Amino acid sequence: MHNPDKASKIDTLAQLYAPEDKYKLHYKVVTAQYLVVVLSVVVLFFADHFILPNPQTSDTIIRYQEIISHDQKHLGFRYYTQEGFAFFKSGGFIEDYHITIEHSLIFKNIHKVITPWREHSQGFTSDIKETNFYIIWLLGISSIISILCLLYYKGLSDNGFLNIVLFNSLLVIYVVVFLMMSW
């Protein structure tokens, strides 16, 4: 057997076991549309957080709960209000029950709690802050990169396509589950 015959047999075997682009061909457009919707929601969230005005609502604290770690260290207080807001304040206690809450317009994410004597914005955590805020940033960046890969990268394999779908889906599931737990 000559080298050209050997090479053609190897090529034939490689074609026989080569995976088809069955997922990418069928679901590329639907996945790109899904990612555009996800990116739109992320942009809406950041517009709500940074651009849209923050209304102030007069409210009353109806309940609070002291948060203590497993080693009996004081972490802070979780407060619940009459208007349905909930927030966590590390450190000191908010003495006054009549407060003003500055929150985002659409998602009602709390930015500040104001009492007649003090403005509480440090050591303060609301629905979407800290780690979850960065997860939403990551979701937005991942959606942009994924859309660009789907539309412009012609050599994308099925494995790469499935990685795009799974990574973005896991981030969306994390954000949705977190939001459902916070309400």
N, C-alpha and C. Protein backbone atom coordinates (compact mmCIF):
# COMPACT_ATOMS: atom_id res chain seq x y z
N MET A 1 0.85 -1.16 0.00
CA MET A 1 0.00 0.00 0.00
C MET A 1 0.90 1.23 0.00
N HIS A 2 0.60 2.15 -0.91
CA HIS A 2 1.39 3.36 -1.03
C HIS A 2 0.89 4.42 -0.06
N ASN A 3 1.71 5.41 0.14
CA ASN A 3 1.35 6.51 1.05
C ASN A 3 0.08 7.25 0.62
N PRO A 4 -0.14 7.50 -0.69
CA PRO A 4 -1.39 8.17 -1.07
C PRO A 4 -2.61 7.32 -0.73
N ASP A 5 -2.51 5.99 -0.90
CA ASP A 5 -3.64 5.12 -0.55
C ASP A 5 -3.92 5.15 0.95
N LYS A 6 -2.84 5.15 1.71
CA LYS A 6 -2.97 5.20 3.16
C LYS A 6 -3.62 6.52 3.60
N ALA A 7 -3.20 7.59 2.98
CA ALA A 7 -3.74 8.91 3.31
C ALA A 7 -5.23 8.99 2.94
N SER A 8 -5.62 8.44 1.82
CA SER A 8 -7.04 8.49 1.43
C SER A 8 -7.89 7.64 2.36
N LYS A 9 -7.35 6.50 2.82
CA LYS A 9 -8.10 5.68 3.79
C LYS A 9 -8.28 6.42 5.12
N ILE A 10 -7.24 7.11 5.55
CA ILE A 10 -7.34 7.89 6.79
C ILE A 10 -8.36 9.01 6.63
N ASP A 11 -8.35 9.66 5.47
CA ASP A 11 -9.34 10.72 5.21
C ASP A 11 -10.76 10.17 5.22
N THR A 12 -10.93 8.99 4.64
CA THR A 12 -12.25 8.36 4.61
C THR A 12 -12.72 8.03 6.02
N LEU A 13 -11.82 7.47 6.83
CA LEU A 13 -12.17 7.15 8.22
C LEU A 13 -12.47 8.42 9.03
N ALA A 14 -11.70 9.47 8.78
CA ALA A 14 -11.91 10.72 9.51
C ALA A 14 -13.28 11.30 9.17
N GLN A 15 -13.69 11.22 7.91
CA GLN A 15 -15.00 11.72 7.51
C GLN A 15 -16.12 10.85 8.10
N LEU A 16 -15.86 9.57 8.24
CA LEU A 16 -16.85 8.65 8.77
C LEU A 16 -17.19 8.97 10.22
N TYR A 17 -16.18 9.32 11.03
CA TYR A 17 -16.39 9.57 12.44
C TYR A 17 -16.44 11.06 12.80
N ALA A 18 -16.39 11.92 11.83
CA ALA A 18 -16.43 13.37 12.11
C ALA A 18 -17.84 13.76 12.57
N PRO A 19 -17.93 14.50 13.64
CA PRO A 19 -19.26 14.90 14.10
C PRO A 19 -19.88 15.92 13.17
N GLU A 20 -21.18 15.85 13.05
CA GLU A 20 -21.90 16.82 12.24
C GLU A 20 -22.19 18.04 13.10
N ASP A 21 -22.39 19.15 12.45
CA ASP A 21 -22.77 20.37 13.16
C ASP A 21 -24.29 20.41 13.30
N LYS A 22 -24.84 19.41 13.94
CA LYS A 22 -26.29 19.31 14.00
C LYS A 22 -26.91 20.34 14.95
N TYR A 23 -26.28 20.63 16.07
CA TYR A 23 -26.85 21.60 17.01
C TYR A 23 -26.69 23.02 16.49
N LYS A 24 -25.49 23.31 16.03
CA LYS A 24 -25.20 24.67 15.60
C LYS A 24 -26.07 25.06 14.41
N LEU A 25 -26.26 24.17 13.46
CA LEU A 25 -27.05 24.49 12.28
C LEU A 25 -28.52 24.75 12.63
N HIS A 26 -29.06 23.97 13.52
CA HIS A 26 -30.49 24.07 13.82
C HIS A 26 -30.82 25.17 14.83
N TYR A 27 -29.94 25.43 15.76
CA TYR A 27 -30.29 26.32 16.88
C TYR A 27 -29.49 27.61 16.95
N LYS A 28 -28.70 27.91 15.93
CA LYS A 28 -27.86 29.10 15.95
C LYS A 28 -28.69 30.38 16.02
N VAL A 29 -29.71 30.49 15.21
CA VAL A 29 -30.54 31.70 15.17
C VAL A 29 -31.35 31.85 16.45
N VAL A 30 -31.92 30.76 16.94
CA VAL A 30 -32.72 30.81 18.17
C VAL A 30 -31.83 31.20 19.36
N THR A 31 -30.64 30.65 19.41
CA THR A 31 -29.71 30.96 20.50
C THR A 31 -29.29 32.42 20.43
N ALA A 32 -29.02 32.93 19.24
CA ALA A 32 -28.65 34.34 19.10
C ALA A 32 -29.81 35.24 19.54
N GLN A 33 -31.03 34.88 19.20
CA GLN A 33 -32.20 35.67 19.64
C GLN A 33 -32.34 35.63 21.16
N TYR A 34 -32.16 34.47 21.74
CA TYR A 34 -32.21 34.32 23.19
C TYR A 34 -31.16 35.20 23.86
N LEU A 35 -29.95 35.20 23.32
CA LEU A 35 -28.88 36.01 23.89
C LEU A 35 -29.14 37.51 23.73
N VAL A 36 -29.80 37.90 22.66
CA VAL A 36 -30.16 39.32 22.48
C VAL A 36 -31.19 39.72 23.54
N VAL A 37 -32.15 38.84 23.83
CA VAL A 37 -33.14 39.13 24.87
C VAL A 37 -32.45 39.24 26.24
N VAL A 38 -31.54 38.32 26.54
CA VAL A 38 -30.80 38.36 27.80
C VAL A 38 -29.98 39.64 27.90
N LEU A 39 -29.31 40.00 26.82
CA LEU A 39 -28.51 41.23 26.80
C LEU A 39 -29.40 42.46 26.97
N SER A 40 -30.60 42.44 26.40
CA SER A 40 -31.54 43.56 26.56
C SER A 40 -31.96 43.73 28.01
N VAL A 41 -32.21 42.63 28.69
CA VAL A 41 -32.58 42.69 30.11
C VAL A 41 -31.42 43.20 30.95
N VAL A 42 -30.20 42.77 30.64
CA VAL A 42 -29.02 43.25 31.36
C VAL A 42 -28.83 44.75 31.14
N VAL A 43 -29.00 45.21 29.90
CA VAL A 43 -28.89 46.65 29.61
C VAL A 43 -29.98 47.41 30.34
N LEU A 44 -31.20 46.88 30.39
CA LEU A 44 -32.29 47.51 31.12
C LEU A 44 -31.96 47.61 32.61
N PHE A 45 -31.37 46.55 33.16
CA PHE A 45 -30.98 46.56 34.57
C PHE A 45 -29.96 47.66 34.85
N PHE A 46 -28.93 47.76 34.01
CA PHE A 46 -27.90 48.77 34.24
C PHE A 46 -28.42 50.18 33.97
N ALA A 47 -29.31 50.33 33.01
CA ALA A 47 -29.93 51.65 32.79
C ALA A 47 -30.75 52.03 34.01
N ASP A 48 -31.48 51.07 34.57
CA ASP A 48 -32.27 51.32 35.77
C ASP A 48 -31.38 51.67 36.95
N HIS A 49 -30.25 51.04 37.03
CA HIS A 49 -29.35 51.24 38.17
C HIS A 49 -28.56 52.54 38.07
N PHE A 50 -28.08 52.89 36.86
CA PHE A 50 -27.18 54.03 36.72
C PHE A 50 -27.79 55.27 36.07
N ILE A 51 -28.73 55.12 35.16
CA ILE A 51 -29.20 56.24 34.35
C ILE A 51 -30.55 56.79 34.80
N LEU A 52 -31.52 55.94 35.00
CA LEU A 52 -32.86 56.39 35.36
C LEU A 52 -32.87 57.03 36.75
N PRO A 53 -33.80 57.96 36.98
CA PRO A 53 -33.84 58.61 38.30
C PRO A 53 -34.22 57.62 39.40
N ASN A 54 -33.75 57.93 40.62
CA ASN A 54 -34.04 57.09 41.78
C ASN A 54 -35.09 57.77 42.64
N PRO A 55 -36.34 57.29 42.59
CA PRO A 55 -37.37 57.92 43.43
C PRO A 55 -37.16 57.59 44.91
N GLN A 56 -37.70 58.44 45.76
CA GLN A 56 -37.64 58.21 47.20
C GLN A 56 -39.03 57.88 47.70
N THR A 57 -39.10 56.88 48.57
CA THR A 57 -40.37 56.43 49.13
C THR A 57 -40.29 56.51 50.65
N SER A 58 -41.28 57.17 51.25
CA SER A 58 -41.37 57.17 52.71
C SER A 58 -41.91 55.83 53.16
N ASP A 59 -41.29 55.27 54.17
CA ASP A 59 -41.65 53.92 54.58
C ASP A 59 -41.45 53.76 56.08
N THR A 60 -41.91 52.64 56.60
CA THR A 60 -41.78 52.34 58.02
C THR A 60 -41.23 50.93 58.18
N ILE A 61 -40.22 50.80 59.03
CA ILE A 61 -39.68 49.48 59.34
C ILE A 61 -40.68 48.76 60.23
N ILE A 62 -41.13 47.59 59.78
CA ILE A 62 -42.11 46.84 60.57
C ILE A 62 -41.49 45.66 61.31
N ARG A 63 -40.31 45.23 60.85
CA ARG A 63 -39.67 44.08 61.48
C ARG A 63 -38.18 44.11 61.20
N TYR A 64 -37.40 43.63 62.13
CA TYR A 64 -35.97 43.47 61.89
C TYR A 64 -35.52 42.17 62.52
N GLN A 65 -34.39 41.70 62.04
CA GLN A 65 -33.85 40.43 62.51
C GLN A 65 -32.34 40.57 62.65
N GLU A 66 -31.80 40.20 63.78
CA GLU A 66 -30.36 40.25 63.97
C GLU A 66 -29.73 39.05 63.30
N ILE A 67 -28.68 39.29 62.54
CA ILE A 67 -27.97 38.22 61.84
C ILE A 67 -26.68 37.92 62.60
N ILE A 68 -26.55 36.67 63.02
CA ILE A 68 -25.39 36.22 63.79
C ILE A 68 -24.75 35.06 63.05
N SER A 69 -23.42 35.06 62.97
CA SER A 69 -22.71 33.98 62.28
C SER A 69 -22.73 32.71 63.13
N HIS A 70 -22.26 31.63 62.55
CA HIS A 70 -22.24 30.35 63.27
C HIS A 70 -21.32 30.36 64.48
N ASP A 71 -20.36 31.28 64.51
CA ASP A 71 -19.49 31.39 65.68
C ASP A 71 -19.92 32.54 66.61
N GLN A 72 -21.19 32.89 66.57
CA GLN A 72 -21.83 33.88 67.44
C GLN A 72 -21.27 35.30 67.27
N LYS A 73 -20.79 35.62 66.09
CA LYS A 73 -20.31 36.97 65.80
C LYS A 73 -21.45 37.77 65.16
N HIS A 74 -21.65 38.99 65.64
CA HIS A 74 -22.72 39.85 65.12
C HIS A 74 -22.35 40.33 63.72
N LEU A 75 -23.23 40.07 62.73
CA LEU A 75 -22.98 40.49 61.36
C LEU A 75 -23.75 41.74 60.98
N GLY A 76 -24.95 41.90 61.52
CA GLY A 76 -25.77 43.06 61.18
C GLY A 76 -27.23 42.76 61.40
N PHE A 77 -28.08 43.56 60.74
CA PHE A 77 -29.53 43.42 60.88
C PHE A 77 -30.18 43.37 59.51
N ARG A 78 -31.21 42.56 59.38
CA ARG A 78 -32.04 42.50 58.18
C ARG A 78 -33.36 43.18 58.53
N TYR A 79 -33.75 44.15 57.69
CA TYR A 79 -34.94 44.95 57.95
C TYR A 79 -36.00 44.67 56.89
N TYR A 80 -37.26 44.74 57.32
CA TYR A 80 -38.41 44.57 56.43
C TYR A 80 -39.33 45.77 56.63
N THR A 81 -39.84 46.31 55.52
CA THR A 81 -40.64 47.53 55.61
C THR A 81 -42.09 47.28 55.24
N GLN A 82 -42.92 48.28 55.52
CA GLN A 82 -44.35 48.20 55.26
C GLN A 82 -44.64 48.16 53.76
N GLU A 83 -43.81 48.82 52.95
CA GLU A 83 -44.00 48.86 51.50
C GLU A 83 -43.46 47.61 50.80
N GLY A 84 -42.90 46.67 51.54
CA GLY A 84 -42.42 45.42 50.97
C GLY A 84 -40.94 45.38 50.65
N PHE A 85 -40.18 46.38 51.03
CA PHE A 85 -38.73 46.37 50.82
C PHE A 85 -38.06 45.55 51.91
N ALA A 86 -36.92 44.96 51.56
CA ALA A 86 -36.10 44.23 52.53
C ALA A 86 -34.65 44.57 52.25
N PHE A 87 -33.87 44.80 53.30
CA PHE A 87 -32.46 45.13 53.12
C PHE A 87 -31.67 44.70 54.34
N PHE A 88 -30.34 44.61 54.16
CA PHE A 88 -29.41 44.19 55.20
C PHE A 88 -28.46 45.34 55.48
N LYS A 89 -28.21 45.62 56.75
CA LYS A 89 -27.27 46.67 57.16
C LYS A 89 -26.28 46.05 58.12
N SER A 90 -25.00 46.04 57.72
CA SER A 90 -23.97 45.54 58.63
C SER A 90 -23.60 46.64 59.60
N GLY A 91 -23.14 46.22 60.75
CA GLY A 91 -22.72 47.21 61.75
C GLY A 91 -23.88 47.64 62.63
N GLY A 92 -24.07 48.96 62.72
CA GLY A 92 -25.02 49.54 63.66
C GLY A 92 -26.48 49.31 63.34
N PHE A 93 -27.28 49.58 64.33
CA PHE A 93 -28.72 49.41 64.27
C PHE A 93 -29.37 50.72 63.83
N ILE A 94 -30.41 50.64 63.02
CA ILE A 94 -31.17 51.83 62.62
C ILE A 94 -32.25 52.04 63.69
N GLU A 95 -32.09 53.11 64.47
CA GLU A 95 -32.98 53.35 65.61
C GLU A 95 -34.37 53.82 65.19
N ASP A 96 -34.43 54.67 64.19
CA ASP A 96 -35.71 55.27 63.80
C ASP A 96 -36.46 54.33 62.86
N TYR A 97 -37.74 54.16 63.10
CA TYR A 97 -38.55 53.28 62.26
C TYR A 97 -39.12 54.00 61.04
N HIS A 98 -39.17 55.30 61.07
CA HIS A 98 -39.66 56.08 59.93
C HIS A 98 -38.47 56.44 59.06
N ILE A 99 -38.43 55.86 57.85
CA ILE A 99 -37.28 56.01 56.97
C ILE A 99 -37.74 56.46 55.59
N THR A 100 -36.79 56.91 54.80
CA THR A 100 -37.00 57.20 53.39
C THR A 100 -36.06 56.30 52.61
N ILE A 101 -36.62 55.59 51.63
CA ILE A 101 -35.83 54.64 50.84
C ILE A 101 -35.65 55.21 49.44
N GLU A 102 -34.39 55.29 49.01
CA GLU A 102 -34.09 55.68 47.63
C GLU A 102 -33.83 54.40 46.86
N HIS A 103 -34.64 54.15 45.83
CA HIS A 103 -34.58 52.90 45.10
C HIS A 103 -34.62 53.14 43.60
N SER A 104 -34.27 52.11 42.83
CA SER A 104 -34.31 52.21 41.37
C SER A 104 -35.76 52.16 40.91
N LEU A 105 -35.98 52.68 39.73
CA LEU A 105 -37.34 52.88 39.23
C LEU A 105 -38.03 51.58 38.82
N ILE A 106 -37.34 50.72 38.10
CA ILE A 106 -37.97 49.52 37.54
C ILE A 106 -37.85 48.31 38.46
N PHE A 107 -36.63 47.98 38.87
CA PHE A 107 -36.39 46.77 39.65
C PHE A 107 -36.48 46.98 41.16
N LYS A 108 -36.70 48.21 41.60
CA LYS A 108 -36.87 48.54 43.03
C LYS A 108 -35.67 48.13 43.87
N ASN A 109 -34.49 48.21 43.29
CA ASN A 109 -33.26 47.90 44.02
C ASN A 109 -32.91 49.10 44.91
N ILE A 110 -32.71 48.87 46.18
CA ILE A 110 -32.50 49.95 47.14
C ILE A 110 -31.07 50.47 47.04
N HIS A 111 -30.94 51.81 46.95
CA HIS A 111 -29.62 52.45 46.91
C HIS A 111 -29.24 53.05 48.26
N LYS A 112 -30.21 53.68 48.94
CA LYS A 112 -29.94 54.33 50.22
C LYS A 112 -31.15 54.20 51.13
N VAL A 113 -30.88 54.21 52.41
CA VAL A 113 -31.92 54.33 53.43
C VAL A 113 -31.59 55.58 54.23
N ILE A 114 -32.56 56.49 54.30
CA ILE A 114 -32.32 57.77 54.95
C ILE A 114 -33.25 57.90 56.15
N THR A 115 -32.65 58.19 57.31
CA THR A 115 -33.43 58.51 58.51
C THR A 115 -33.29 60.02 58.74
N PRO A 116 -34.08 60.60 59.63
CA PRO A 116 -33.94 62.04 59.88
C PRO A 116 -32.55 62.44 60.37
N TRP A 117 -31.79 61.52 60.96
CA TRP A 117 -30.48 61.85 61.52
C TRP A 117 -29.31 61.38 60.68
N ARG A 118 -29.53 60.41 59.80
CA ARG A 118 -28.38 59.80 59.12
C ARG A 118 -28.78 59.20 57.79
N GLU A 119 -27.81 59.15 56.86
CA GLU A 119 -28.01 58.49 55.58
C GLU A 119 -27.21 57.19 55.60
N HIS A 120 -27.89 56.08 55.39
CA HIS A 120 -27.24 54.77 55.43
C HIS A 120 -27.00 54.29 54.00
N SER A 121 -25.76 54.35 53.57
CA SER A 121 -25.42 53.80 52.26
C SER A 121 -24.17 52.92 52.35
N GLN A 122 -23.40 53.04 53.42
CA GLN A 122 -22.22 52.20 53.63
C GLN A 122 -22.62 50.97 54.45
N GLY A 123 -22.02 49.83 54.12
CA GLY A 123 -22.32 48.60 54.86
C GLY A 123 -23.75 48.16 54.65
N PHE A 124 -24.28 48.49 53.50
CA PHE A 124 -25.69 48.32 53.21
C PHE A 124 -25.83 47.41 52.00
N THR A 125 -26.69 46.41 52.08
CA THR A 125 -26.88 45.49 50.98
C THR A 125 -28.36 45.33 50.71
N SER A 126 -28.71 45.41 49.43
CA SER A 126 -30.09 45.24 49.01
C SER A 126 -30.16 44.02 48.10
N ASP A 127 -31.23 43.92 47.32
CA ASP A 127 -31.48 42.75 46.50
C ASP A 127 -30.32 42.38 45.58
N ILE A 128 -29.88 43.32 44.75
CA ILE A 128 -28.84 42.98 43.79
C ILE A 128 -27.65 43.90 44.01
N LYS A 129 -26.72 43.44 44.79
CA LYS A 129 -25.47 44.17 45.02
C LYS A 129 -24.37 43.14 45.21
N GLU A 130 -23.17 43.65 45.25
CA GLU A 130 -22.00 42.86 45.55
C GLU A 130 -21.78 41.75 44.51
N THR A 131 -21.74 40.49 44.91
CA THR A 131 -21.42 39.39 44.01
C THR A 131 -22.44 39.27 42.88
N ASN A 132 -23.70 39.41 43.19
CA ASN A 132 -24.74 39.27 42.18
C ASN A 132 -24.65 40.37 41.13
N PHE A 133 -24.23 41.53 41.54
CA PHE A 133 -24.03 42.64 40.60
C PHE A 133 -22.96 42.27 39.59
N TYR A 134 -21.88 41.64 40.04
CA TYR A 134 -20.81 41.24 39.14
C TYR A 134 -21.21 40.04 38.28
N ILE A 135 -22.07 39.19 38.78
CA ILE A 135 -22.59 38.08 37.98
C ILE A 135 -23.40 38.62 36.81
N ILE A 136 -24.18 39.69 37.06
CA ILE A 136 -24.97 40.30 35.98
C ILE A 136 -24.04 40.97 34.97
N TRP A 137 -22.96 41.61 35.44
CA TRP A 137 -21.95 42.15 34.51
C TRP A 137 -21.38 41.01 33.66
N LEU A 138 -21.02 39.91 34.30
CA LEU A 138 -20.46 38.77 33.58
C LEU A 138 -21.44 38.23 32.55
N LEU A 139 -22.71 38.18 32.90
CA LEU A 139 -23.74 37.72 31.98
C LEU A 139 -23.83 38.63 30.76
N GLY A 140 -23.75 39.93 30.97
CA GLY A 140 -23.79 40.87 29.85
C GLY A 140 -22.58 40.72 28.93
N ILE A 141 -21.40 40.63 29.52
CA ILE A 141 -20.18 40.48 28.72
C ILE A 141 -20.19 39.14 27.98
N SER A 142 -20.62 38.09 28.67
CA SER A 142 -20.68 36.77 28.05
C SER A 142 -21.70 36.75 26.91
N SER A 143 -22.81 37.44 27.08
CA SER A 143 -23.81 37.49 26.00
C SER A 143 -23.26 38.19 24.77
N ILE A 144 -22.54 39.29 24.97
CA ILE A 144 -21.95 40.02 23.83
C ILE A 144 -20.94 39.14 23.10
N ILE A 145 -20.04 38.52 23.85
CA ILE A 145 -19.02 37.66 23.22
C ILE A 145 -19.68 36.48 22.52
N SER A 146 -20.71 35.89 23.13
CA SER A 146 -21.38 34.74 22.54
C SER A 146 -22.11 35.11 21.25
N ILE A 147 -22.77 36.26 21.24
CA ILE A 147 -23.45 36.71 20.03
C ILE A 147 -22.44 36.93 18.90
N LEU A 148 -21.32 37.57 19.24
CA LEU A 148 -20.29 37.80 18.23
C LEU A 148 -19.71 36.48 17.70
N CYS A 149 -19.50 35.51 18.58
CA CYS A 149 -19.00 34.20 18.14
C CYS A 149 -20.00 33.49 17.25
N LEU A 150 -21.26 33.55 17.62
CA LEU A 150 -22.29 32.87 16.82
C LEU A 150 -22.44 33.49 15.44
N LEU A 151 -22.36 34.81 15.36
CA LEU A 151 -22.61 35.48 14.09
C LEU A 151 -21.39 35.55 13.18
N TYR A 152 -20.18 35.67 13.76
CA TYR A 152 -19.02 35.96 12.92
C TYR A 152 -17.95 34.87 12.90
N TYR A 153 -17.96 33.95 13.83
CA TYR A 153 -16.93 32.91 13.85
C TYR A 153 -17.45 31.68 13.11
N LYS A 154 -16.93 31.46 11.93
CA LYS A 154 -17.43 30.37 11.07
C LYS A 154 -16.91 29.00 11.49
N GLY A 155 -15.81 28.94 12.21
CA GLY A 155 -15.24 27.66 12.60
C GLY A 155 -15.71 27.16 13.96
N LEU A 156 -16.82 27.67 14.44
CA LEU A 156 -17.34 27.28 15.75
C LEU A 156 -17.84 25.84 15.70
N SER A 157 -17.33 25.01 16.57
CA SER A 157 -17.73 23.60 16.61
C SER A 157 -19.01 23.43 17.43
N ASP A 158 -19.56 22.22 17.36
CA ASP A 158 -20.74 21.91 18.19
C ASP A 158 -20.40 22.02 19.67
N ASN A 159 -19.21 21.60 20.05
CA ASN A 159 -18.80 21.68 21.44
C ASN A 159 -18.73 23.15 21.89
N GLY A 160 -18.16 24.00 21.07
CA GLY A 160 -18.11 25.43 21.39
C GLY A 160 -19.51 26.04 21.48
N PHE A 161 -20.38 25.63 20.58
CA PHE A 161 -21.76 26.11 20.60
C PHE A 161 -22.47 25.68 21.89
N LEU A 162 -22.31 24.41 22.26
CA LEU A 162 -22.94 23.93 23.49
C LEU A 162 -22.35 24.60 24.73
N ASN A 163 -21.06 24.91 24.71
CA ASN A 163 -20.45 25.65 25.82
C ASN A 163 -21.08 27.03 25.96
N ILE A 164 -21.32 27.70 24.85
CA ILE A 164 -21.98 29.01 24.87
C ILE A 164 -23.36 28.88 25.49
N VAL A 165 -24.13 27.92 25.03
CA VAL A 165 -25.50 27.74 25.53
C VAL A 165 -25.49 27.42 27.02
N LEU A 166 -24.66 26.48 27.45
CA LEU A 166 -24.66 26.05 28.85
C LEU A 166 -24.15 27.14 29.79
N PHE A 167 -23.08 27.83 29.44
CA PHE A 167 -22.54 28.87 30.32
C PHE A 167 -23.55 29.99 30.52
N ASN A 168 -24.12 30.48 29.43
CA ASN A 168 -25.09 31.56 29.55
C ASN A 168 -26.37 31.09 30.25
N SER A 169 -26.78 29.87 30.01
CA SER A 169 -27.97 29.34 30.69
C SER A 169 -27.75 29.23 32.19
N LEU A 170 -26.57 28.75 32.60
CA LEU A 170 -26.28 28.66 34.03
C LEU A 170 -26.27 30.03 34.70
N LEU A 171 -25.72 31.03 34.03
CA LEU A 171 -25.73 32.38 34.60
C LEU A 171 -27.16 32.91 34.71
N VAL A 172 -27.97 32.68 33.69
CA VAL A 172 -29.37 33.13 33.74
C VAL A 172 -30.12 32.42 34.85
N ILE A 173 -29.92 31.12 34.98
CA ILE A 173 -30.59 30.36 36.05
C ILE A 173 -30.17 30.88 37.41
N TYR A 174 -28.88 31.17 37.60
CA TYR A 174 -28.41 31.71 38.88
C TYR A 174 -29.10 33.03 39.20
N VAL A 175 -29.15 33.94 38.23
CA VAL A 175 -29.75 35.25 38.46
C VAL A 175 -31.25 35.11 38.75
N VAL A 176 -31.95 34.28 37.98
CA VAL A 176 -33.39 34.11 38.18
C VAL A 176 -33.68 33.48 39.54
N VAL A 177 -32.93 32.45 39.92
CA VAL A 177 -33.15 31.82 41.23
C VAL A 177 -32.85 32.80 42.35
N PHE A 178 -31.80 33.58 42.22
CA PHE A 178 -31.48 34.57 43.25
C PHE A 178 -32.60 35.61 43.37
N LEU A 179 -33.11 36.08 42.23
CA LEU A 179 -34.18 37.09 42.28
C LEU A 179 -35.45 36.50 42.89
N MET A 180 -35.76 35.25 42.58
CA MET A 180 -36.95 34.62 43.17
C MET A 180 -36.80 34.44 44.66
N MET A 181 -35.58 34.15 45.13
CA MET A 181 -35.36 33.97 46.57
C MET A 181 -35.41 35.30 47.31
N SER A 182 -35.08 36.40 46.63
CA SER A 182 -35.06 37.68 47.31
C SER A 182 -36.43 38.32 47.39
N TRP A 183 -37.41 37.81 46.63
CA TRP A 183 -38.75 38.40 46.70
C TRP A 183 -39.57 37.68 47.68
